Amino acid sequence: VSDFMLEYVKAGNCILFSSHNINSVQKICDRAVIIHHGVKTDDFVLAEFADTHPGEDLESYFLSRTRDGGAQ
């Protein structure tokens, strides 16, 4: 499935991909949105994540934003 999605995007198409699998998100997506209890808490370009969050990996960041009390 991910190979199909990558080819589909390379052809100029857009996919809205919902997942809790951070590895798949990093492989397939160029942009990420974090939603916690139905509220968008984050919206960022994955290629810029390391620059805006130095020393933090995406999975840890996701968990910190989705634990109860994490995202305000």
Protein backbone atom coordinates (compact mmCIF):
# COMPACT_ATOMS: atom_id res chain seq x y z
CA VAL A 1 0.00 0.00 0.00
CA SER A 2 2.72 2.51 0.88
CA ASP A 3 4.45 1.96 -2.49
CA PHE A 4 1.16 2.75 -4.24
CA MET A 5 0.70 5.89 -2.12
CA LEU A 6 4.25 7.08 -2.82
CA GLU A 7 3.75 6.64 -6.58
CA TYR A 8 0.37 8.35 -6.40
CA VAL A 9 1.89 11.39 -4.68
CA LYS A 10 4.86 11.46 -7.08
CA ALA A 11 2.30 11.75 -9.89
CA GLY A 12 1.14 15.05 -8.39
CA ASN A 13 -1.78 13.80 -6.33
CA CYS A 14 -2.58 14.50 -2.68
CA ILE A 15 -3.47 11.97 0.03
CA LEU A 16 -5.02 12.61 3.42
CA PHE A 17 -3.41 9.87 5.51
CA SER A 18 -4.52 9.23 9.09
CA SER A 19 -2.24 7.04 11.20
CA HIS A 20 -0.72 6.49 14.62
CA ASN A 21 2.23 4.73 12.97
CA ILE A 22 4.93 7.41 13.05
CA ASN A 23 7.26 5.41 10.77
CA SER A 24 4.61 5.30 8.04
CA VAL A 25 3.90 9.00 8.45
CA GLN A 26 7.58 9.86 8.07
CA LYS A 27 7.92 7.61 5.02
CA ILE A 28 4.81 8.72 3.15
CA CYS A 29 3.94 12.25 4.25
CA ASP A 30 5.58 15.62 3.72
CA ARG A 31 3.33 17.42 6.20
CA ALA A 32 1.86 16.31 9.55
CA VAL A 33 -1.07 17.45 11.64
CA ILE A 34 -1.55 16.25 15.21
CA ILE A 35 -5.14 16.04 16.42
CA HIS A 36 -5.88 15.48 20.10
CA HIS A 37 -9.48 14.95 21.28
CA GLY A 38 -10.74 16.39 17.99
CA VAL A 39 -8.63 19.56 18.22
CA LYS A 40 -5.73 20.32 15.87
CA THR A 41 -2.71 20.98 18.10
CA ASP A 42 0.10 20.99 15.53
CA ASP A 43 0.55 21.44 11.78
CA PHE A 44 4.07 21.30 10.33
CA VAL A 45 6.27 20.28 7.42
CA LEU A 46 8.12 17.09 8.35
CA ALA A 47 11.35 18.21 6.64
CA GLU A 48 11.46 21.21 9.00
CA PHE A 49 10.70 19.28 12.20
CA ALA A 50 14.36 18.66 13.14
CA ASP A 51 15.13 22.38 12.76
CA THR A 52 12.16 23.53 14.83
CA HIS A 53 12.47 20.78 17.47
CA PRO A 54 16.22 20.09 17.85
CA GLY A 55 17.09 16.85 19.62
CA GLU A 56 13.48 15.63 19.66
CA ASP A 57 12.18 12.71 17.62
CA LEU A 58 8.74 12.82 16.05
CA GLU A 59 7.33 9.88 18.02
CA SER A 60 8.28 11.40 21.39
CA TYR A 61 6.85 14.73 20.30
CA PHE A 62 3.60 13.10 19.18
CA LEU A 63 3.27 11.29 22.51
CA SER A 64 3.98 14.46 24.49
CA ARG A 65 1.26 16.31 22.56
CA THR A 66 -1.38 13.57 22.85
CA ARG A 67 -1.05 12.51 26.47
CA ASP A 68 -3.80 13.97 28.63
CA GLY A 69 -2.66 17.42 29.63
CA GLY A 70 0.03 17.46 26.91
CA ALA A 71 -1.60 19.77 24.39
CA GLN A 72 -3.36 22.85 25.67
